[in-house]
Amino acid sequence: MPKRSIPGSSGLLRAMSLLGEPVLHTPCEPVTDFGASLASLVEDMFATMYAAQGVGLAANQVGVPLRVFVFDCPDDEDVRHLGHVVNPRLVTADGVTVRGPEGCLSLPGVEAGTPRFDHAVVEGVTMDGDPVRVEGTGFFARCLQHECDHLEGGIYLDHVTGLRRSRALRAVRRAPWARGRALPGSLG
């Protein structure tokens, strides 16, 4: 059996971008350079995601405005999905809409019941430029939609309404990391 390194094992931890930082609220640029810097970014993203105990991470969450995300996420049947997608496109989001708890590494400690489709398909390429298609259901479908939102400059709270949104925004304002931070107008 060939030796395969564990994703992130040689990566460096990067600082997490937090809600209010412009890089989180601006659509990301397509990747055009598939060289060593992209491979390092993906490796660093895995290391950072694991250190933060997340299941997915978009490049703009570590301050890099490029269309890349990594994931190590189970679905509802506890099947592990591990990988990355460069220049992803959410080509399908359908099925029933399920409201479930959702959080984000860029909004630590804040969670809200968020509606997401129960099925999602993302297409893109790997860091080597090879085509990749990732399909998910349940919790993994939620993860795919969440990361694609990030790359468009969105966050999960954009999908939350009513009392759930009010409670989440109150939690954001009270969070220690948000003190003194300029939050986007729709969140303040």
N, C-alpha and C. Protein backbone atom coordinates (compact mmCIF):
# COMPACT_ATOMS: atom_id res chain seq x y z
N MET A 1 0.84 -1.18 0.00
CA MET A 1 0.00 0.00 0.00
C MET A 1 0.89 1.24 0.00
N PRO A 2 0.63 2.19 -0.92
CA PRO A 2 1.47 3.39 -0.98
C PRO A 2 1.24 4.27 0.24
N LYS A 3 2.32 4.93 0.66
CA LYS A 3 2.22 5.86 1.78
C LYS A 3 1.54 7.14 1.31
N ARG A 4 0.55 7.58 2.07
CA ARG A 4 -0.10 8.85 1.79
C ARG A 4 -0.02 9.68 3.05
N SER A 5 0.36 10.91 2.89
CA SER A 5 0.46 11.77 4.06
C SER A 5 -0.94 12.16 4.53
N ILE A 6 -1.03 12.48 5.79
CA ILE A 6 -2.28 12.95 6.36
C ILE A 6 -2.44 14.41 5.97
N PRO A 7 -3.59 14.79 5.38
CA PRO A 7 -3.75 16.20 5.00
C PRO A 7 -3.52 17.13 6.19
N GLY A 8 -2.74 18.16 5.96
CA GLY A 8 -2.46 19.14 7.00
C GLY A 8 -1.28 18.82 7.88
N SER A 9 -0.74 17.60 7.76
CA SER A 9 0.34 17.20 8.67
C SER A 9 1.61 18.02 8.48
N SER A 10 1.79 18.59 7.30
CA SER A 10 2.96 19.45 7.09
C SER A 10 2.56 20.91 6.92
N GLY A 11 1.30 21.22 7.20
CA GLY A 11 0.81 22.58 7.03
C GLY A 11 1.09 23.47 8.23
N LEU A 12 1.02 24.75 7.98
CA LEU A 12 1.18 25.76 9.03
C LEU A 12 -0.19 26.29 9.41
N LEU A 13 -0.35 26.62 10.67
CA LEU A 13 -1.60 27.21 11.12
C LEU A 13 -1.66 28.65 10.65
N ARG A 14 -2.81 29.01 10.12
CA ARG A 14 -3.02 30.39 9.69
C ARG A 14 -4.07 31.04 10.58
N ALA A 15 -3.98 32.34 10.70
CA ALA A 15 -4.95 33.09 11.50
C ALA A 15 -6.32 33.01 10.85
N MET A 16 -7.34 32.84 11.68
CA MET A 16 -8.71 32.74 11.21
C MET A 16 -9.29 34.14 11.00
N SER A 17 -9.87 34.37 9.83
CA SER A 17 -10.59 35.61 9.58
C SER A 17 -11.91 35.54 10.33
N LEU A 18 -12.28 36.62 11.00
CA LEU A 18 -13.51 36.65 11.79
C LEU A 18 -14.53 37.56 11.14
N LEU A 19 -15.79 37.32 11.48
CA LEU A 19 -16.89 38.11 10.96
C LEU A 19 -16.55 39.60 11.02
N GLY A 20 -16.81 40.30 9.94
CA GLY A 20 -16.53 41.72 9.86
C GLY A 20 -15.30 42.04 9.03
N GLU A 21 -14.41 41.07 8.87
CA GLU A 21 -13.23 41.30 8.03
C GLU A 21 -13.67 41.29 6.56
N PRO A 22 -13.28 42.29 5.80
CA PRO A 22 -13.74 42.41 4.41
C PRO A 22 -13.55 41.16 3.56
N VAL A 23 -12.48 40.40 3.79
CA VAL A 23 -12.21 39.22 2.97
C VAL A 23 -13.35 38.19 3.07
N LEU A 24 -14.08 38.20 4.17
CA LEU A 24 -15.20 37.26 4.34
C LEU A 24 -16.46 37.70 3.61
N HIS A 25 -16.53 38.94 3.25
CA HIS A 25 -17.77 39.50 2.71
C HIS A 25 -17.62 39.94 1.25
N THR A 26 -16.61 39.42 0.58
CA THR A 26 -16.33 39.75 -0.81
C THR A 26 -16.17 38.46 -1.60
N PRO A 27 -16.80 38.34 -2.77
CA PRO A 27 -16.61 37.11 -3.56
C PRO A 27 -15.13 36.87 -3.87
N CYS A 28 -14.74 35.61 -3.81
CA CYS A 28 -13.34 35.22 -4.03
C CYS A 28 -13.02 35.12 -5.52
N GLU A 29 -11.75 35.25 -5.83
CA GLU A 29 -11.26 35.18 -7.20
C GLU A 29 -10.95 33.73 -7.59
N PRO A 30 -11.12 33.39 -8.87
CA PRO A 30 -10.75 32.04 -9.32
C PRO A 30 -9.24 31.80 -9.20
N VAL A 31 -8.88 30.57 -8.94
CA VAL A 31 -7.47 30.17 -8.90
C VAL A 31 -6.98 30.03 -10.33
N THR A 32 -5.84 30.64 -10.63
CA THR A 32 -5.24 30.52 -11.96
C THR A 32 -3.84 29.90 -11.89
N ASP A 33 -3.21 29.95 -10.71
CA ASP A 33 -1.87 29.40 -10.53
C ASP A 33 -1.97 28.09 -9.74
N PHE A 34 -1.68 26.99 -10.41
CA PHE A 34 -1.79 25.67 -9.80
C PHE A 34 -0.43 25.13 -9.37
N GLY A 35 0.41 26.01 -8.86
CA GLY A 35 1.76 25.65 -8.46
C GLY A 35 1.89 25.32 -6.98
N ALA A 36 3.10 25.45 -6.51
CA ALA A 36 3.44 25.08 -5.13
C ALA A 36 2.70 25.93 -4.10
N SER A 37 2.43 27.19 -4.42
CA SER A 37 1.74 28.05 -3.44
C SER A 37 0.32 27.56 -3.19
N LEU A 38 -0.34 27.02 -4.20
CA LEU A 38 -1.69 26.46 -4.01
C LEU A 38 -1.62 25.21 -3.15
N ALA A 39 -0.66 24.35 -3.41
CA ALA A 39 -0.50 23.13 -2.61
C ALA A 39 -0.24 23.49 -1.14
N SER A 40 0.58 24.50 -0.91
CA SER A 40 0.85 24.95 0.47
C SER A 40 -0.40 25.52 1.12
N LEU A 41 -1.17 26.28 0.36
CA LEU A 41 -2.41 26.84 0.89
C LEU A 41 -3.35 25.73 1.33
N VAL A 42 -3.54 24.73 0.48
CA VAL A 42 -4.45 23.61 0.81
C VAL A 42 -3.94 22.89 2.05
N GLU A 43 -2.66 22.63 2.12
CA GLU A 43 -2.08 21.95 3.29
C GLU A 43 -2.28 22.79 4.56
N ASP A 44 -2.04 24.10 4.47
CA ASP A 44 -2.24 24.99 5.61
C ASP A 44 -3.71 25.04 6.02
N MET A 45 -4.61 25.01 5.04
CA MET A 45 -6.04 25.05 5.34
C MET A 45 -6.47 23.80 6.10
N PHE A 46 -5.97 22.64 5.70
CA PHE A 46 -6.29 21.42 6.45
C PHE A 46 -5.77 21.52 7.88
N ALA A 47 -4.53 21.96 8.04
CA ALA A 47 -3.95 22.08 9.38
C ALA A 47 -4.77 23.04 10.24
N THR A 48 -5.16 24.17 9.67
CA THR A 48 -5.94 25.17 10.40
C THR A 48 -7.32 24.65 10.74
N MET A 49 -7.97 23.97 9.79
CA MET A 49 -9.30 23.41 10.03
C MET A 49 -9.26 22.39 11.16
N TYR A 50 -8.28 21.49 11.13
CA TYR A 50 -8.17 20.48 12.19
C TYR A 50 -7.88 21.11 13.55
N ALA A 51 -7.00 22.10 13.57
CA ALA A 51 -6.67 22.76 14.84
C ALA A 51 -7.89 23.45 15.44
N ALA A 52 -8.78 23.97 14.58
CA ALA A 52 -9.98 24.66 15.04
C ALA A 52 -11.15 23.69 15.24
N GLN A 53 -10.92 22.41 14.98
CA GLN A 53 -11.93 21.37 15.13
C GLN A 53 -13.14 21.61 14.23
N GLY A 54 -12.86 22.01 12.98
CA GLY A 54 -13.92 22.22 12.01
C GLY A 54 -14.06 21.05 11.07
N VAL A 55 -15.09 21.12 10.22
CA VAL A 55 -15.32 20.07 9.22
C VAL A 55 -15.16 20.61 7.81
N GLY A 56 -14.98 21.92 7.67
CA GLY A 56 -14.77 22.55 6.38
C GLY A 56 -14.14 23.91 6.59
N LEU A 57 -13.43 24.38 5.57
CA LEU A 57 -12.79 25.68 5.66
C LEU A 57 -12.58 26.25 4.26
N ALA A 58 -13.01 27.48 4.07
CA ALA A 58 -12.80 28.18 2.80
C ALA A 58 -11.56 29.06 2.90
N ALA A 59 -10.91 29.30 1.77
CA ALA A 59 -9.65 30.06 1.77
C ALA A 59 -9.81 31.46 2.35
N ASN A 60 -10.94 32.11 2.10
CA ASN A 60 -11.09 33.47 2.64
C ASN A 60 -11.20 33.46 4.16
N GLN A 61 -11.47 32.30 4.76
CA GLN A 61 -11.49 32.23 6.22
C GLN A 61 -10.08 32.28 6.81
N VAL A 62 -9.07 32.09 5.99
CA VAL A 62 -7.69 32.28 6.43
C VAL A 62 -7.06 33.47 5.70
N GLY A 63 -7.92 34.39 5.23
CA GLY A 63 -7.46 35.64 4.65
C GLY A 63 -7.02 35.59 3.21
N VAL A 64 -7.27 34.49 2.50
CA VAL A 64 -6.85 34.36 1.11
C VAL A 64 -8.10 34.39 0.22
N PRO A 65 -8.27 35.42 -0.59
CA PRO A 65 -9.50 35.58 -1.37
C PRO A 65 -9.54 34.75 -2.66
N LEU A 66 -9.27 33.45 -2.52
CA LEU A 66 -9.28 32.54 -3.67
C LEU A 66 -10.36 31.48 -3.51
N ARG A 67 -10.85 30.96 -4.62
CA ARG A 67 -11.94 29.98 -4.63
C ARG A 67 -11.39 28.57 -4.36
N VAL A 68 -11.20 28.28 -3.09
CA VAL A 68 -10.69 26.98 -2.64
C VAL A 68 -11.37 26.65 -1.32
N PHE A 69 -11.78 25.38 -1.14
CA PHE A 69 -12.17 24.95 0.20
C PHE A 69 -11.72 23.52 0.44
N VAL A 70 -11.56 23.19 1.72
CA VAL A 70 -11.19 21.85 2.16
C VAL A 70 -12.30 21.32 3.06
N PHE A 71 -12.36 20.00 3.19
CA PHE A 71 -13.38 19.41 4.05
C PHE A 71 -12.92 18.06 4.58
N ASP A 72 -13.39 17.73 5.75
CA ASP A 72 -13.27 16.41 6.36
C ASP A 72 -14.54 16.29 7.20
N CYS A 73 -15.59 15.78 6.57
CA CYS A 73 -16.93 15.92 7.11
C CYS A 73 -17.72 14.62 6.94
N PRO A 74 -18.43 14.20 7.97
CA PRO A 74 -19.29 13.02 7.82
C PRO A 74 -20.64 13.41 7.22
N ASP A 75 -21.29 12.43 6.62
CA ASP A 75 -22.68 12.64 6.21
C ASP A 75 -23.58 12.06 7.31
N ASP A 76 -24.86 12.02 7.07
CA ASP A 76 -25.78 11.54 8.10
C ASP A 76 -25.67 10.04 8.37
N GLU A 77 -25.00 9.31 7.48
CA GLU A 77 -24.77 7.87 7.69
C GLU A 77 -23.40 7.62 8.31
N ASP A 78 -22.73 8.69 8.72
CA ASP A 78 -21.41 8.65 9.34
C ASP A 78 -20.31 8.20 8.39
N VAL A 79 -20.52 8.42 7.09
CA VAL A 79 -19.48 8.16 6.09
C VAL A 79 -18.61 9.42 6.01
N ARG A 80 -17.31 9.23 6.13
CA ARG A 80 -16.37 10.35 6.12
C ARG A 80 -16.08 10.78 4.68
N HIS A 81 -16.12 12.11 4.46
CA HIS A 81 -15.78 12.70 3.17
C HIS A 81 -14.60 13.63 3.41
N LEU A 82 -13.51 13.39 2.69
CA LEU A 82 -12.26 14.12 2.89
C LEU A 82 -11.75 14.60 1.54
N GLY A 83 -11.43 15.89 1.44
CA GLY A 83 -10.87 16.38 0.19
C GLY A 83 -10.82 17.89 0.12
N HIS A 84 -10.63 18.37 -1.08
CA HIS A 84 -10.58 19.80 -1.35
C HIS A 84 -11.14 20.04 -2.74
N VAL A 85 -11.59 21.26 -2.98
CA VAL A 85 -12.10 21.65 -4.31
C VAL A 85 -11.56 23.04 -4.61
N VAL A 86 -11.00 23.18 -5.80
CA VAL A 86 -10.50 24.46 -6.31
C VAL A 86 -11.48 24.92 -7.39
N ASN A 87 -11.80 26.20 -7.37
CA ASN A 87 -12.75 26.81 -8.29
C ASN A 87 -14.08 26.04 -8.30
N PRO A 88 -14.65 25.81 -7.11
CA PRO A 88 -15.89 25.03 -7.03
C PRO A 88 -17.09 25.80 -7.55
N ARG A 89 -18.03 25.03 -8.09
CA ARG A 89 -19.34 25.55 -8.48
C ARG A 89 -20.38 24.65 -7.85
N LEU A 90 -21.31 25.24 -7.13
CA LEU A 90 -22.43 24.49 -6.59
C LEU A 90 -23.40 24.28 -7.74
N VAL A 91 -23.40 23.07 -8.31
CA VAL A 91 -24.21 22.81 -9.51
C VAL A 91 -25.60 22.28 -9.16
N THR A 92 -25.75 21.71 -7.98
CA THR A 92 -27.06 21.22 -7.54
C THR A 92 -27.19 21.41 -6.04
N ALA A 93 -28.31 21.96 -5.65
CA ALA A 93 -28.71 22.01 -4.25
C ALA A 93 -30.22 21.78 -4.28
N ASP A 94 -30.64 20.58 -3.88
CA ASP A 94 -32.05 20.25 -4.00
C ASP A 94 -32.45 19.23 -2.95
N GLY A 95 -33.64 18.71 -3.11
CA GLY A 95 -34.19 17.79 -2.12
C GLY A 95 -34.96 18.57 -1.08
N VAL A 96 -35.22 17.94 0.02
CA VAL A 96 -35.97 18.62 1.08
C VAL A 96 -35.08 19.66 1.75
N THR A 97 -35.71 20.68 2.28
CA THR A 97 -35.00 21.68 3.05
C THR A 97 -35.05 21.26 4.51
N VAL A 98 -33.88 21.21 5.13
CA VAL A 98 -33.78 20.80 6.53
C VAL A 98 -33.18 21.96 7.31
N ARG A 99 -33.85 22.32 8.41
CA ARG A 99 -33.30 23.35 9.30
C ARG A 99 -32.48 22.62 10.36
N GLY A 100 -31.21 22.91 10.42
CA GLY A 100 -30.35 22.25 11.39
C GLY A 100 -29.35 23.22 11.98
N PRO A 101 -28.73 22.85 13.10
CA PRO A 101 -27.75 23.74 13.72
C PRO A 101 -26.55 23.93 12.80
N GLU A 102 -26.13 25.16 12.70
CA GLU A 102 -24.97 25.46 11.87
C GLU A 102 -24.13 26.50 12.59
N GLY A 103 -22.83 26.31 12.52
CA GLY A 103 -21.88 27.25 13.09
C GLY A 103 -20.81 27.53 12.06
N CYS A 104 -19.79 28.28 12.48
CA CYS A 104 -18.75 28.67 11.54
C CYS A 104 -17.49 29.02 12.32
N LEU A 105 -16.36 28.60 11.81
CA LEU A 105 -15.09 28.90 12.46
C LEU A 105 -14.80 30.40 12.49
N SER A 106 -15.43 31.15 11.61
CA SER A 106 -15.24 32.60 11.58
C SER A 106 -16.23 33.35 12.47
N LEU A 107 -17.12 32.61 13.12
CA LEU A 107 -18.06 33.15 14.10
C LEU A 107 -18.03 32.23 15.31
N PRO A 108 -16.89 32.10 15.98
CA PRO A 108 -16.75 31.09 17.04
C PRO A 108 -17.78 31.24 18.15
N GLY A 109 -18.39 30.11 18.49
CA GLY A 109 -19.34 30.07 19.59
C GLY A 109 -20.75 30.48 19.23
N VAL A 110 -21.00 30.83 17.98
CA VAL A 110 -22.34 31.26 17.55
C VAL A 110 -22.92 30.17 16.65
N GLU A 111 -24.14 29.77 16.95
CA GLU A 111 -24.81 28.72 16.18
C GLU A 111 -26.26 29.11 15.98
N ALA A 112 -26.83 28.71 14.85
CA ALA A 112 -28.24 29.01 14.58
C ALA A 112 -28.84 27.93 13.70
N GLY A 113 -30.11 27.65 13.91
CA GLY A 113 -30.84 26.74 13.03
C GLY A 113 -30.93 27.37 11.65
N THR A 114 -30.32 26.71 10.67
CA THR A 114 -30.19 27.27 9.33
C THR A 114 -30.79 26.32 8.30
N PRO A 115 -31.66 26.81 7.42
CA PRO A 115 -32.22 25.93 6.40
C PRO A 115 -31.22 25.66 5.28
N ARG A 116 -31.08 24.39 4.94
CA ARG A 116 -30.22 23.98 3.82
C ARG A 116 -30.89 22.83 3.08
N PHE A 117 -30.58 22.70 1.81
CA PHE A 117 -31.06 21.55 1.06
C PHE A 117 -30.34 20.30 1.54
N ASP A 118 -31.01 19.17 1.44
CA ASP A 118 -30.48 17.89 1.93
C ASP A 118 -29.56 17.19 0.93
N HIS A 119 -29.37 17.79 -0.25
CA HIS A 119 -28.53 17.19 -1.29
C HIS A 119 -27.79 18.31 -2.00
N ALA A 120 -26.50 18.10 -2.24
CA ALA A 120 -25.71 19.12 -2.94
C ALA A 120 -24.64 18.44 -3.79
N VAL A 121 -24.34 19.06 -4.92
CA VAL A 121 -23.28 18.60 -5.81
C VAL A 121 -22.39 19.80 -6.14
N VAL A 122 -21.10 19.62 -5.96
CA VAL A 122 -20.11 20.66 -6.26
C VAL A 122 -19.15 20.10 -7.30
N GLU A 123 -18.86 20.88 -8.32
CA GLU A 123 -17.87 20.50 -9.32
C GLU A 123 -16.76 21.54 -9.33
N GLY A 124 -15.56 21.10 -9.62
CA GLY A 124 -14.40 21.98 -9.70
C GLY A 124 -13.21 21.16 -10.12
N VAL A 125 -12.05 21.51 -9.60
CA VAL A 125 -10.83 20.78 -9.90
C VAL A 125 -10.03 20.61 -8.62
N THR A 126 -9.06 19.71 -8.67
CA THR A 126 -8.15 19.52 -7.55
C THR A 126 -7.01 20.53 -7.68
N MET A 127 -6.11 20.54 -6.70
CA MET A 127 -4.98 21.46 -6.77
C MET A 127 -4.04 21.10 -7.92
N ASP A 128 -4.19 19.91 -8.49
CA ASP A 128 -3.40 19.51 -9.66
C ASP A 128 -4.12 19.83 -10.97
N GLY A 129 -5.34 20.37 -10.87
CA GLY A 129 -6.10 20.73 -12.06
C GLY A 129 -6.98 19.62 -12.59
N ASP A 130 -7.05 18.49 -11.89
CA ASP A 130 -7.89 17.38 -12.33
C ASP A 130 -9.35 17.64 -11.95
N PRO A 131 -10.30 17.35 -12.86
CA PRO A 131 -11.71 17.56 -12.56
C PRO A 131 -12.15 16.75 -11.33
N VAL A 132 -13.02 17.34 -10.52
CA VAL A 132 -13.54 16.65 -9.36
C VAL A 132 -15.02 17.01 -9.21
N ARG A 133 -15.79 16.01 -8.81
CA ARG A 133 -17.22 16.19 -8.54
C ARG A 133 -17.48 15.60 -7.16
N VAL A 134 -18.05 16.41 -6.27
CA VAL A 134 -18.31 15.98 -4.91
C VAL A 134 -19.81 16.06 -4.68
N GLU A 135 -20.38 14.95 -4.23
CA GLU A 135 -21.82 14.90 -3.97
C GLU A 135 -22.04 14.57 -2.51
N GLY A 136 -22.98 15.26 -1.89
CA GLY A 136 -23.23 15.02 -0.48
C GLY A 136 -24.70 15.08 -0.13
N THR A 137 -25.02 14.39 0.94
CA THR A 137 -26.37 14.43 1.50
C THR A 137 -26.24 14.77 2.99
N GLY A 138 -27.36 15.18 3.56
CA GLY A 138 -27.41 15.44 4.99
C GLY A 138 -26.41 16.49 5.43
N PHE A 139 -25.69 16.17 6.52
CA PHE A 139 -24.74 17.11 7.10
C PHE A 139 -23.65 17.49 6.11
N PHE A 140 -23.20 16.54 5.29
CA PHE A 140 -22.16 16.85 4.31
C PHE A 140 -22.69 17.80 3.24
N ALA A 141 -23.95 17.66 2.83
CA ALA A 141 -24.55 18.61 1.88
C ALA A 141 -24.57 20.01 2.48
N ARG A 142 -24.87 20.09 3.78
CA ARG A 142 -24.86 21.38 4.50
C ARG A 142 -23.46 21.99 4.43
N CYS A 143 -22.44 21.17 4.67
CA CYS A 143 -21.04 21.64 4.63
C CYS A 143 -20.69 22.18 3.25
N LEU A 144 -21.05 21.46 2.20
CA LEU A 144 -20.73 21.90 0.84
C LEU A 144 -21.38 23.25 0.53
N GLN A 145 -22.64 23.40 0.90
CA GLN A 145 -23.34 24.67 0.65
C GLN A 145 -22.73 25.80 1.47
N HIS A 146 -22.37 25.50 2.70
CA HIS A 146 -21.76 26.49 3.60
C HIS A 146 -20.45 27.01 3.02
N GLU A 147 -19.58 26.10 2.57
CA GLU A 147 -18.28 26.53 2.04
C GLU A 147 -18.43 27.28 0.72
N CYS A 148 -19.35 26.85 -0.13
CA CYS A 148 -19.59 27.59 -1.38
C CYS A 148 -20.11 28.99 -1.09
N ASP A 149 -20.97 29.13 -0.07
CA ASP A 149 -21.43 30.47 0.34
C ASP A 149 -20.25 31.36 0.69
N HIS A 150 -19.31 30.83 1.48
CA HIS A 150 -18.14 31.63 1.87
C HIS A 150 -17.43 32.19 0.64
N LEU A 151 -17.26 31.37 -0.38
CA LEU A 151 -16.50 31.80 -1.55
C LEU A 151 -17.23 32.86 -2.36
N GLU A 152 -18.54 33.00 -2.11
CA GLU A 152 -19.33 34.06 -2.75
C GLU A 152 -19.41 35.30 -1.86
N GLY A 153 -18.74 35.27 -0.71
CA GLY A 153 -18.76 36.40 0.21
C GLY A 153 -19.91 36.34 1.21
N GLY A 154 -20.51 35.16 1.36
CA GLY A 154 -21.64 35.01 2.26
C GLY A 154 -21.29 34.21 3.50
N ILE A 155 -22.18 34.28 4.48
CA ILE A 155 -22.05 33.50 5.70
C ILE A 155 -23.40 32.83 5.98
N TYR A 156 -23.39 31.84 6.84
CA TYR A 156 -24.62 31.10 7.09
C TYR A 156 -25.74 31.98 7.66
N LEU A 157 -25.39 33.03 8.39
CA LEU A 157 -26.43 33.90 8.96
C LEU A 157 -27.25 34.60 7.88
N ASP A 158 -26.74 34.65 6.64
CA ASP A 158 -27.51 35.22 5.53
C ASP A 158 -28.77 34.40 5.26
N HIS A 159 -28.80 33.15 5.71
CA HIS A 159 -29.95 32.26 5.47
C HIS A 159 -30.89 32.17 6.67
N VAL A 160 -30.53 32.84 7.75
CA VAL A 160 -31.31 32.75 8.99
C VAL A 160 -32.23 33.96 9.11
N THR A 161 -33.48 33.72 9.49
CA THR A 161 -34.47 34.81 9.59
C THR A 161 -35.17 34.77 10.94
N GLY A 162 -35.95 35.81 11.17
CA GLY A 162 -36.83 35.86 12.33
C GLY A 162 -36.12 35.81 13.67
N LEU A 163 -36.76 35.12 14.61
CA LEU A 163 -36.24 35.03 15.97
C LEU A 163 -34.88 34.35 16.01
N ARG A 164 -34.65 33.34 15.17
CA ARG A 164 -33.36 32.66 15.15
C ARG A 164 -32.25 33.65 14.77
N ARG A 165 -32.53 34.51 13.80
CA ARG A 165 -31.54 35.51 13.39
C ARG A 165 -31.29 36.51 14.51
N SER A 166 -32.35 36.99 15.14
CA SER A 166 -32.20 37.94 16.25
C SER A 166 -31.34 37.36 17.36
N ARG A 167 -31.59 36.11 17.71
CA ARG A 167 -30.80 35.46 18.77
C ARG A 167 -29.34 35.30 18.37
N ALA A 168 -29.12 34.90 17.11
CA ALA A 168 -27.75 34.72 16.63
C ALA A 168 -27.00 36.05 16.62
N LEU A 169 -27.66 37.10 16.16
CA LEU A 169 -27.00 38.42 16.13
C LEU A 169 -26.69 38.92 17.52
N ARG A 170 -27.58 38.65 18.48
CA ARG A 170 -27.31 39.01 19.87
C ARG A 170 -26.07 38.26 20.36
N ALA A 171 -25.98 36.97 20.02
CA ALA A 171 -24.82 36.17 20.43
C ALA A 171 -23.54 36.72 19.80
N VAL A 172 -23.61 37.15 18.54
CA VAL A 172 -22.44 37.74 17.87
C VAL A 172 -22.01 39.00 18.63
N ARG A 173 -22.96 39.89 18.92
CA ARG A 173 -22.61 41.15 19.59
C ARG A 173 -22.00 40.90 20.97
N ARG A 174 -22.39 39.82 21.63
CA ARG A 174 -21.89 39.52 22.98
C ARG A 174 -20.60 38.70 22.98
N ALA A 175 -20.24 38.16 21.82
CA ALA A 175 -19.06 37.29 21.75
C ALA A 175 -17.79 38.08 22.03
N PRO A 176 -16.88 37.53 22.83
CA PRO A 176 -15.63 38.24 23.16
C PRO A 176 -14.83 38.66 21.92
N TRP A 177 -14.83 37.84 20.89
CA TRP A 177 -14.06 38.14 19.68
C TRP A 177 -14.66 39.30 18.89
N ALA A 178 -15.94 39.64 19.13
CA ALA A 178 -16.61 40.69 18.36
C ALA A 178 -16.46 42.07 18.98
N ARG A 179 -15.99 42.14 20.20
CA ARG A 179 -15.87 43.43 20.88
C ARG A 179 -14.93 44.36 20.12
N GLY A 180 -15.43 45.55 19.83
CA GLY A 180 -14.61 46.54 19.12
C GLY A 180 -14.47 46.27 17.63
N ARG A 181 -15.12 45.24 17.13
CA ARG A 181 -15.01 44.85 15.73
C ARG A 181 -16.16 45.51 14.94
N ALA A 182 -15.84 46.05 13.79
CA ALA A 182 -16.87 46.61 12.91
C ALA A 182 -17.58 45.46 12.20
N LEU A 183 -18.84 45.28 12.49
CA LEU A 183 -19.62 44.21 11.87
C LEU A 183 -20.35 44.75 10.65
N PRO A 184 -20.61 43.87 9.65
CA PRO A 184 -21.35 44.32 8.48
C PRO A 184 -22.68 44.94 8.88
N GLY A 185 -23.14 45.93 8.14
CA GLY A 185 -24.37 46.66 8.46
C GLY A 185 -25.57 45.78 8.73
N SER A 186 -25.75 44.73 7.97
CA SER A 186 -26.93 43.88 8.15
C SER A 186 -26.83 43.04 9.42
N LEU A 187 -25.67 43.02 10.05
CA LEU A 187 -25.48 42.20 11.25
C LEU A 187 -25.43 43.03 12.53
N GLY A 188 -25.20 44.32 12.39
CA GLY A 188 -24.98 45.13 13.58
C GLY A 188 -26.25 45.51 14.26
